[in-house]
N, C-alpha and C. Protein backbone atom coordinates (compact mmCIF):
# COMPACT_ATOMS: atom_id res chain seq x y z
N MET A 1 -8.11 28.04 19.27
CA MET A 1 -8.60 27.44 18.06
C MET A 1 -7.75 26.23 17.66
N ILE A 2 -6.43 26.34 17.86
CA ILE A 2 -5.53 25.25 17.49
C ILE A 2 -5.81 24.02 18.36
N ILE A 3 -6.05 24.23 19.65
CA ILE A 3 -6.33 23.11 20.54
C ILE A 3 -7.64 22.44 20.13
N ALA A 4 -8.64 23.25 19.79
CA ALA A 4 -9.92 22.68 19.35
C ALA A 4 -9.75 21.88 18.06
N LEU A 5 -8.91 22.38 17.15
CA LEU A 5 -8.66 21.64 15.91
C LEU A 5 -7.95 20.32 16.19
N ASN A 6 -6.99 20.33 17.11
CA ASN A 6 -6.29 19.09 17.46
C ASN A 6 -7.22 18.09 18.14
N ILE A 7 -8.09 18.58 19.00
CA ILE A 7 -9.06 17.69 19.65
C ILE A 7 -10.00 17.09 18.61
N LEU A 8 -10.43 17.90 17.66
CA LEU A 8 -11.30 17.41 16.60
C LEU A 8 -10.60 16.36 15.74
N ILE A 9 -9.33 16.59 15.42
CA ILE A 9 -8.57 15.63 14.62
C ILE A 9 -8.41 14.32 15.39
N PHE A 10 -8.04 14.39 16.68
CA PHE A 10 -7.88 13.18 17.47
C PHE A 10 -9.20 12.43 17.61
N ALA A 11 -10.28 13.16 17.84
CA ALA A 11 -11.59 12.50 17.96
C ALA A 11 -11.97 11.81 16.66
N ALA A 12 -11.72 12.47 15.54
CA ALA A 12 -12.05 11.86 14.25
C ALA A 12 -11.20 10.62 13.99
N VAL A 13 -9.92 10.69 14.31
CA VAL A 13 -9.04 9.53 14.08
C VAL A 13 -9.43 8.37 14.98
N ILE A 14 -9.73 8.64 16.24
CA ILE A 14 -10.12 7.57 17.15
C ILE A 14 -11.46 6.97 16.71
N PHE A 15 -12.38 7.82 16.28
CA PHE A 15 -13.66 7.31 15.78
C PHE A 15 -13.44 6.43 14.55
N LEU A 16 -12.64 6.91 13.62
CA LEU A 16 -12.36 6.12 12.41
C LEU A 16 -11.65 4.82 12.75
N GLN A 17 -10.70 4.89 13.68
CA GLN A 17 -9.91 3.71 14.05
C GLN A 17 -10.79 2.63 14.68
N THR A 18 -11.71 3.04 15.52
CA THR A 18 -12.49 2.05 16.27
C THR A 18 -13.78 1.62 15.58
N SER A 19 -14.27 2.40 14.63
CA SER A 19 -15.55 2.02 14.03
C SER A 19 -15.45 1.77 12.53
N LEU A 20 -15.17 2.79 11.77
CA LEU A 20 -15.22 2.65 10.32
C LEU A 20 -14.06 1.84 9.75
N LEU A 21 -12.86 2.06 10.25
CA LEU A 21 -11.70 1.36 9.71
C LEU A 21 -11.51 -0.04 10.29
N ALA A 22 -12.40 -0.46 11.17
CA ALA A 22 -12.29 -1.81 11.71
C ALA A 22 -12.52 -2.85 10.61
N ARG A 23 -13.22 -2.45 9.57
CA ARG A 23 -13.45 -3.35 8.43
C ARG A 23 -12.38 -3.21 7.35
N PHE A 24 -11.57 -2.17 7.45
CA PHE A 24 -10.52 -1.91 6.45
C PHE A 24 -9.25 -2.64 6.87
N ASP A 25 -8.78 -3.51 6.01
CA ASP A 25 -7.53 -4.19 6.33
C ASP A 25 -6.76 -4.47 5.05
N ILE A 26 -5.49 -4.70 5.22
CA ILE A 26 -4.60 -5.06 4.12
C ILE A 26 -4.06 -6.43 4.43
N PHE A 27 -4.56 -7.44 3.75
CA PHE A 27 -4.17 -8.83 4.00
C PHE A 27 -4.35 -9.22 5.46
N GLY A 28 -5.40 -8.69 6.09
CA GLY A 28 -5.69 -9.02 7.47
C GLY A 28 -5.08 -8.08 8.49
N PHE A 29 -4.28 -7.11 8.06
CA PHE A 29 -3.63 -6.17 8.97
C PHE A 29 -4.28 -4.81 8.85
N MET A 30 -4.51 -4.18 9.99
CA MET A 30 -5.11 -2.86 10.00
C MET A 30 -4.10 -1.84 10.51
N PRO A 31 -3.84 -0.76 9.77
CA PRO A 31 -2.90 0.24 10.27
C PRO A 31 -3.46 0.97 11.48
N ASN A 32 -2.60 1.31 12.39
CA ASN A 32 -3.00 1.99 13.62
C ASN A 32 -2.84 3.50 13.41
N PHE A 33 -3.90 4.15 12.96
CA PHE A 33 -3.83 5.58 12.64
C PHE A 33 -3.71 6.43 13.90
N ALA A 34 -4.27 5.99 15.00
CA ALA A 34 -4.12 6.74 16.25
C ALA A 34 -2.66 6.78 16.68
N LEU A 35 -1.97 5.68 16.50
CA LEU A 35 -0.54 5.63 16.83
C LEU A 35 0.26 6.54 15.91
N ILE A 36 -0.06 6.55 14.62
CA ILE A 36 0.63 7.42 13.67
C ILE A 36 0.43 8.88 14.05
N LEU A 37 -0.79 9.26 14.36
CA LEU A 37 -1.08 10.64 14.73
C LEU A 37 -0.39 11.01 16.04
N MET A 38 -0.36 10.09 17.00
CA MET A 38 0.27 10.38 18.28
C MET A 38 1.77 10.62 18.12
N ILE A 39 2.44 9.82 17.33
CA ILE A 39 3.87 10.00 17.13
C ILE A 39 4.15 11.31 16.40
N SER A 40 3.36 11.62 15.39
CA SER A 40 3.53 12.89 14.68
C SER A 40 3.26 14.06 15.62
N PHE A 41 2.26 13.93 16.45
CA PHE A 41 1.93 14.99 17.40
C PHE A 41 3.07 15.18 18.40
N ALA A 42 3.67 14.10 18.83
CA ALA A 42 4.79 14.19 19.78
C ALA A 42 5.99 14.89 19.16
N PHE A 43 6.18 14.73 17.87
CA PHE A 43 7.31 15.38 17.20
C PHE A 43 7.11 16.87 17.00
N PHE A 44 5.88 17.30 16.77
CA PHE A 44 5.65 18.68 16.36
C PHE A 44 4.92 19.55 17.36
N ARG A 45 4.63 19.07 18.52
CA ARG A 45 3.97 19.88 19.54
C ARG A 45 4.85 19.98 20.77
N LYS A 46 4.47 20.89 21.65
CA LYS A 46 5.20 21.01 22.91
C LYS A 46 5.00 19.74 23.71
N THR A 47 5.96 19.45 24.57
CA THR A 47 5.96 18.19 25.29
C THR A 47 4.73 18.05 26.18
N TYR A 48 4.37 19.11 26.90
CA TYR A 48 3.22 18.98 27.80
C TYR A 48 1.92 18.76 27.02
N GLU A 49 1.80 19.38 25.83
CA GLU A 49 0.61 19.13 25.00
C GLU A 49 0.58 17.68 24.53
N ALA A 50 1.74 17.18 24.15
CA ALA A 50 1.81 15.79 23.67
C ALA A 50 1.46 14.82 24.79
N TYR A 51 1.92 15.08 26.02
CA TYR A 51 1.57 14.20 27.14
C TYR A 51 0.07 14.23 27.41
N ILE A 52 -0.53 15.41 27.35
CA ILE A 52 -1.97 15.51 27.60
C ILE A 52 -2.76 14.74 26.55
N PHE A 53 -2.41 14.94 25.28
CA PHE A 53 -3.12 14.23 24.22
C PHE A 53 -2.82 12.74 24.25
N ALA A 54 -1.62 12.36 24.63
CA ALA A 54 -1.29 10.93 24.73
C ALA A 54 -2.15 10.27 25.80
N PHE A 55 -2.29 10.93 26.95
CA PHE A 55 -3.09 10.35 28.02
C PHE A 55 -4.56 10.26 27.63
N ILE A 56 -5.09 11.36 27.09
CA ILE A 56 -6.52 11.38 26.76
C ILE A 56 -6.84 10.39 25.64
N SER A 57 -6.04 10.39 24.58
CA SER A 57 -6.34 9.47 23.48
C SER A 57 -6.09 8.02 23.89
N GLY A 58 -5.08 7.78 24.71
CA GLY A 58 -4.85 6.43 25.23
C GLY A 58 -5.99 5.96 26.11
N LEU A 59 -6.51 6.86 26.93
CA LEU A 59 -7.65 6.52 27.79
C LEU A 59 -8.88 6.18 26.96
N ILE A 60 -9.15 6.99 25.95
CA ILE A 60 -10.31 6.72 25.10
C ILE A 60 -10.15 5.39 24.37
N LEU A 61 -8.96 5.14 23.82
CA LEU A 61 -8.74 3.87 23.12
C LEU A 61 -8.81 2.68 24.07
N ASP A 62 -8.33 2.85 25.30
CA ASP A 62 -8.43 1.76 26.28
C ASP A 62 -9.89 1.47 26.63
N ILE A 63 -10.69 2.52 26.74
CA ILE A 63 -12.10 2.33 27.05
C ILE A 63 -12.81 1.63 25.90
N LEU A 64 -12.48 2.00 24.66
CA LEU A 64 -13.16 1.44 23.50
C LEU A 64 -12.63 0.08 23.07
N SER A 65 -11.40 -0.26 23.45
CA SER A 65 -10.84 -1.54 23.01
C SER A 65 -11.19 -2.64 24.01
N GLY A 66 -11.03 -3.84 23.56
CA GLY A 66 -11.30 -4.97 24.43
C GLY A 66 -10.05 -5.48 25.12
N GLY A 67 -8.94 -4.81 24.92
CA GLY A 67 -7.66 -5.24 25.48
C GLY A 67 -7.50 -4.83 26.93
N PRO A 68 -6.32 -5.09 27.47
CA PRO A 68 -6.06 -4.73 28.86
C PRO A 68 -6.08 -3.21 29.05
N PHE A 69 -6.69 -2.77 30.13
CA PHE A 69 -6.82 -1.34 30.39
C PHE A 69 -5.46 -0.76 30.76
N GLY A 70 -5.11 0.35 30.14
CA GLY A 70 -3.86 1.03 30.41
C GLY A 70 -2.78 0.77 29.38
N LEU A 71 -3.00 -0.17 28.47
CA LEU A 71 -2.00 -0.50 27.46
C LEU A 71 -1.76 0.68 26.52
N HIS A 72 -2.82 1.28 26.01
CA HIS A 72 -2.66 2.42 25.10
C HIS A 72 -2.10 3.63 25.83
N ILE A 73 -2.56 3.87 27.04
CA ILE A 73 -2.05 5.01 27.81
C ILE A 73 -0.55 4.86 28.03
N ALA A 74 -0.13 3.70 28.49
CA ALA A 74 1.30 3.48 28.77
C ALA A 74 2.14 3.59 27.50
N SER A 75 1.67 3.01 26.42
CA SER A 75 2.48 3.04 25.20
C SER A 75 2.52 4.45 24.60
N PHE A 76 1.42 5.18 24.60
CA PHE A 76 1.42 6.53 24.06
C PHE A 76 2.27 7.47 24.92
N MET A 77 2.17 7.34 26.23
CA MET A 77 2.99 8.18 27.11
C MET A 77 4.47 7.87 26.94
N LEU A 78 4.80 6.61 26.78
CA LEU A 78 6.20 6.24 26.56
C LEU A 78 6.70 6.76 25.21
N MET A 79 5.86 6.74 24.20
CA MET A 79 6.26 7.27 22.90
C MET A 79 6.57 8.76 22.98
N VAL A 80 5.77 9.50 23.72
CA VAL A 80 6.03 10.93 23.89
C VAL A 80 7.34 11.13 24.65
N PHE A 81 7.57 10.30 25.65
CA PHE A 81 8.82 10.39 26.42
C PHE A 81 10.03 10.11 25.53
N VAL A 82 9.96 9.07 24.72
CA VAL A 82 11.08 8.71 23.83
C VAL A 82 11.27 9.78 22.77
N SER A 83 10.20 10.35 22.25
CA SER A 83 10.34 11.38 21.23
C SER A 83 11.01 12.63 21.79
N GLY A 84 10.95 12.84 23.09
CA GLY A 84 11.65 13.96 23.70
C GLY A 84 13.16 13.84 23.58
N PHE A 85 13.67 12.63 23.46
CA PHE A 85 15.10 12.45 23.26
C PHE A 85 15.50 12.68 21.80
N ILE A 86 14.56 12.58 20.90
CA ILE A 86 14.86 12.71 19.47
C ILE A 86 14.63 14.13 18.99
N VAL A 87 13.65 14.82 19.53
CA VAL A 87 13.26 16.14 19.04
C VAL A 87 13.37 17.16 20.16
N ASP A 88 14.00 18.31 19.88
CA ASP A 88 14.02 19.42 20.82
C ASP A 88 12.68 20.14 20.78
N GLU A 89 12.48 21.05 21.72
CA GLU A 89 11.24 21.84 21.72
C GLU A 89 11.13 22.68 20.45
N ASP A 90 12.26 23.14 19.91
CA ASP A 90 12.20 23.95 18.69
C ASP A 90 12.38 23.10 17.43
N HIS A 91 12.37 21.78 17.57
CA HIS A 91 12.40 20.82 16.46
C HIS A 91 13.68 20.90 15.63
N THR A 92 14.80 21.24 16.25
CA THR A 92 16.05 21.35 15.48
C THR A 92 16.70 20.00 15.25
N ARG A 93 16.43 19.03 16.09
CA ARG A 93 17.07 17.72 15.91
C ARG A 93 16.30 16.78 15.00
N LEU A 94 15.13 17.18 14.59
CA LEU A 94 14.36 16.35 13.66
C LEU A 94 14.85 16.65 12.25
N SER A 95 15.70 15.79 11.73
CA SER A 95 16.37 16.11 10.47
C SER A 95 15.57 15.67 9.25
N ASN A 96 14.98 14.49 9.29
CA ASN A 96 14.26 14.02 8.11
C ASN A 96 13.26 12.94 8.50
N VAL A 97 12.58 12.44 7.52
CA VAL A 97 11.55 11.44 7.76
C VAL A 97 12.16 10.14 8.28
N PHE A 98 13.39 9.85 7.90
CA PHE A 98 13.98 8.58 8.30
C PHE A 98 14.26 8.52 9.80
N VAL A 99 14.66 9.65 10.39
CA VAL A 99 14.87 9.67 11.83
C VAL A 99 13.55 9.45 12.54
N SER A 100 12.53 10.14 12.07
CA SER A 100 11.22 9.97 12.71
C SER A 100 10.66 8.57 12.44
N SER A 101 10.97 8.02 11.29
CA SER A 101 10.53 6.66 10.99
C SER A 101 11.20 5.66 11.93
N PHE A 102 12.48 5.87 12.20
CA PHE A 102 13.19 5.00 13.13
C PHE A 102 12.55 5.08 14.51
N ALA A 103 12.24 6.30 14.95
CA ALA A 103 11.60 6.46 16.26
C ALA A 103 10.23 5.80 16.26
N PHE A 104 9.52 5.92 15.16
CA PHE A 104 8.20 5.30 15.06
C PHE A 104 8.30 3.78 15.18
N VAL A 105 9.25 3.20 14.47
CA VAL A 105 9.41 1.74 14.52
C VAL A 105 9.77 1.30 15.94
N MET A 106 10.66 2.03 16.59
CA MET A 106 11.04 1.68 17.96
C MET A 106 9.83 1.77 18.90
N ALA A 107 9.06 2.84 18.77
CA ALA A 107 7.89 2.99 19.64
C ALA A 107 6.86 1.90 19.36
N PHE A 108 6.64 1.59 18.10
CA PHE A 108 5.65 0.57 17.78
C PHE A 108 6.13 -0.82 18.18
N LEU A 109 7.43 -1.06 18.10
CA LEU A 109 7.95 -2.34 18.56
C LEU A 109 7.75 -2.49 20.07
N PHE A 110 7.93 -1.39 20.81
CA PHE A 110 7.64 -1.45 22.24
C PHE A 110 6.16 -1.75 22.46
N TYR A 111 5.31 -1.06 21.71
CA TYR A 111 3.87 -1.26 21.81
C TYR A 111 3.52 -2.72 21.53
N GLY A 112 4.08 -3.25 20.46
CA GLY A 112 3.83 -4.65 20.12
C GLY A 112 4.40 -5.62 21.14
N ALA A 113 5.61 -5.31 21.65
CA ALA A 113 6.23 -6.18 22.65
C ALA A 113 5.41 -6.20 23.94
N LEU A 114 4.91 -5.04 24.34
CA LEU A 114 4.09 -4.98 25.54
C LEU A 114 2.80 -5.78 25.34
N LEU A 115 2.20 -5.64 24.19
CA LEU A 115 0.99 -6.40 23.89
C LEU A 115 1.27 -7.90 23.85
N LEU A 116 2.38 -8.28 23.22
CA LEU A 116 2.75 -9.70 23.16
C LEU A 116 3.05 -10.25 24.55
N TYR A 117 3.70 -9.45 25.40
CA TYR A 117 4.00 -9.90 26.75
C TYR A 117 2.70 -10.18 27.51
N ILE A 118 1.75 -9.29 27.35
CA ILE A 118 0.47 -9.49 28.03
C ILE A 118 -0.23 -10.72 27.46
N ASP A 119 -0.18 -10.88 26.13
CA ASP A 119 -0.80 -12.07 25.52
C ASP A 119 -0.11 -13.35 25.97
N PHE A 120 1.23 -13.34 26.06
CA PHE A 120 1.97 -14.54 26.45
C PHE A 120 1.68 -14.92 27.90
N SER A 121 1.46 -13.91 28.74
CA SER A 121 1.19 -14.24 30.13
C SER A 121 -0.23 -14.79 30.31
N LEU A 122 -1.10 -14.53 29.34
CA LEU A 122 -2.47 -15.01 29.46
C LEU A 122 -2.73 -16.34 28.75
N LYS A 123 -1.90 -16.66 27.75
CA LYS A 123 -2.10 -17.91 27.02
C LYS A 123 -0.77 -18.43 26.50
N ASP A 124 -0.81 -19.54 25.82
CA ASP A 124 0.41 -20.16 25.32
C ASP A 124 1.03 -19.33 24.20
N PHE A 125 2.33 -19.52 24.01
CA PHE A 125 3.08 -18.84 22.96
C PHE A 125 2.62 -19.31 21.59
N SER A 126 2.49 -18.38 20.66
CA SER A 126 2.05 -18.72 19.31
C SER A 126 2.90 -17.96 18.31
N LEU A 127 3.54 -18.68 17.40
CA LEU A 127 4.34 -18.04 16.37
C LEU A 127 3.46 -17.22 15.43
N SER A 128 2.24 -17.65 15.21
CA SER A 128 1.35 -16.89 14.34
C SER A 128 1.02 -15.52 14.95
N GLY A 129 0.96 -15.43 16.27
CA GLY A 129 0.74 -14.15 16.92
C GLY A 129 1.91 -13.21 16.72
N VAL A 130 3.12 -13.74 16.76
CA VAL A 130 4.31 -12.92 16.53
C VAL A 130 4.34 -12.45 15.08
N LEU A 131 4.05 -13.34 14.15
CA LEU A 131 4.03 -12.96 12.73
C LEU A 131 2.94 -11.93 12.45
N PHE A 132 1.80 -12.07 13.10
CA PHE A 132 0.73 -11.09 12.93
C PHE A 132 1.18 -9.72 13.44
N SER A 133 1.85 -9.70 14.59
CA SER A 133 2.33 -8.42 15.14
C SER A 133 3.37 -7.78 14.23
N LEU A 134 4.26 -8.58 13.66
CA LEU A 134 5.25 -8.03 12.73
C LEU A 134 4.58 -7.48 11.47
N GLY A 135 3.57 -8.16 10.98
CA GLY A 135 2.82 -7.65 9.84
C GLY A 135 2.10 -6.36 10.17
N GLN A 136 1.56 -6.29 11.37
CA GLN A 136 0.88 -5.08 11.82
C GLN A 136 1.87 -3.92 11.89
N VAL A 137 3.07 -4.16 12.39
CA VAL A 137 4.11 -3.13 12.45
C VAL A 137 4.45 -2.66 11.05
N PHE A 138 4.61 -3.58 10.12
CA PHE A 138 4.98 -3.22 8.76
C PHE A 138 3.90 -2.38 8.08
N VAL A 139 2.66 -2.78 8.19
CA VAL A 139 1.56 -2.03 7.54
C VAL A 139 1.44 -0.64 8.15
N THR A 140 1.53 -0.54 9.46
CA THR A 140 1.44 0.77 10.10
C THR A 140 2.63 1.64 9.72
N PHE A 141 3.81 1.05 9.61
CA PHE A 141 5.00 1.80 9.22
C PHE A 141 4.86 2.35 7.80
N VAL A 142 4.34 1.56 6.89
CA VAL A 142 4.13 2.01 5.51
C VAL A 142 3.14 3.17 5.48
N PHE A 143 2.05 3.05 6.22
CA PHE A 143 1.09 4.14 6.27
C PHE A 143 1.68 5.38 6.93
N PHE A 144 2.56 5.19 7.91
CA PHE A 144 3.22 6.32 8.55
C PHE A 144 4.07 7.08 7.53
N ILE A 145 4.83 6.36 6.72
CA ILE A 145 5.66 7.00 5.70
C ILE A 145 4.79 7.77 4.71
N LEU A 146 3.62 7.23 4.37
CA LEU A 146 2.74 7.89 3.42
C LEU A 146 2.03 9.10 4.01
N ILE A 147 1.66 9.04 5.28
CA ILE A 147 0.85 10.09 5.90
C ILE A 147 1.71 11.19 6.54
N PHE A 148 2.93 10.87 6.94
CA PHE A 148 3.75 11.80 7.70
C PHE A 148 3.95 13.16 7.03
N PRO A 149 4.22 13.25 5.71
CA PRO A 149 4.41 14.59 5.11
C PRO A 149 3.18 15.49 5.25
N TRP A 150 1.98 14.92 5.14
CA TRP A 150 0.78 15.73 5.30
C TRP A 150 0.57 16.14 6.76
N LEU A 151 0.86 15.26 7.68
CA LEU A 151 0.74 15.63 9.09
C LEU A 151 1.76 16.71 9.45
N LYS A 152 2.96 16.61 8.89
CA LYS A 152 3.98 17.63 9.14
C LYS A 152 3.51 18.98 8.63
N ARG A 153 2.92 19.02 7.43
CA ARG A 153 2.40 20.27 6.89
C ARG A 153 1.29 20.83 7.77
N LEU A 154 0.42 19.95 8.26
CA LEU A 154 -0.67 20.40 9.13
C LEU A 154 -0.13 21.03 10.40
N PHE A 155 0.83 20.37 11.04
CA PHE A 155 1.37 20.91 12.29
C PHE A 155 2.17 22.19 12.06
N LEU A 156 2.89 22.30 10.96
CA LEU A 156 3.61 23.53 10.65
C LEU A 156 2.64 24.66 10.33
N TRP A 157 1.53 24.35 9.67
CA TRP A 157 0.51 25.36 9.41
C TRP A 157 -0.11 25.84 10.72
N GLU A 158 -0.35 24.90 11.65
CA GLU A 158 -0.90 25.29 12.95
C GLU A 158 0.08 26.19 13.69
N ASP A 159 1.37 25.89 13.62
CA ASP A 159 2.37 26.75 14.27
C ASP A 159 2.37 28.14 13.66
N LYS A 160 2.26 28.22 12.35
CA LYS A 160 2.24 29.51 11.66
C LYS A 160 1.02 30.32 12.09
N LYS A 161 -0.14 29.68 12.15
CA LYS A 161 -1.36 30.37 12.58
C LYS A 161 -1.27 30.80 14.04
N ASP A 162 -0.63 29.97 14.86
CA ASP A 162 -0.49 30.28 16.28
C ASP A 162 0.43 31.48 16.48
N LYS A 163 1.48 31.60 15.67
CA LYS A 163 2.40 32.73 15.80
C LYS A 163 1.79 34.02 15.28
N GLU A 164 0.84 33.91 14.36
CA GLU A 164 0.18 35.10 13.84
C GLU A 164 -0.73 35.74 14.87
N ARG A 165 -1.17 34.98 15.86
CA ARG A 165 -2.08 35.51 16.88
C ARG A 165 -1.35 36.32 17.86
C-alpha cells in the first residue's frame, strides 16, 4: 500500500509539474516540485527505493520535457547518491531542516550547472540564462523550505503504518 501511495504521489506531482503548474510562476520562475519531492524521498526512504523512484520519475520527466534526454535521470540519481552521504538508513544523521536544505541547494546547483553546461555547449553564453537559473534555484529552495515539514510528516506516517503491518 505504501508503494502504491508513493507512486500515486509521484504521478500527481509529475502531472502537476508538467501540465497544470506550467502556467504558475513567481516573477517568471517556476518551482520544481518533482525535484523537491525527490530530495525529500531520498532522505526518508531506503536507498534502493529512492534509486528506483529517481530513475522512474527522471525517465518520465525526460520523456515529457523538451530538454536533453537523460538530464533528469542523471540529476535525480546523483541527488539520491549524495543524500546517502548525508543520511543513514535509520535517518540518524539528518539533524534538522538546515542540513537537508544545504543538501538540496547543492543538488539543485548541480542540476542547474549540468543544464547550463548543456545550454552553453549548444549556444552562446548568456548572463540572463545564469540569472534565470539562480532565480529558479531560489524559488525552488523557498518552496522546499515551506513544503519539507509536510513531506517529512507524510514519510514518517508511512513508516509508522509500514511498521504496524
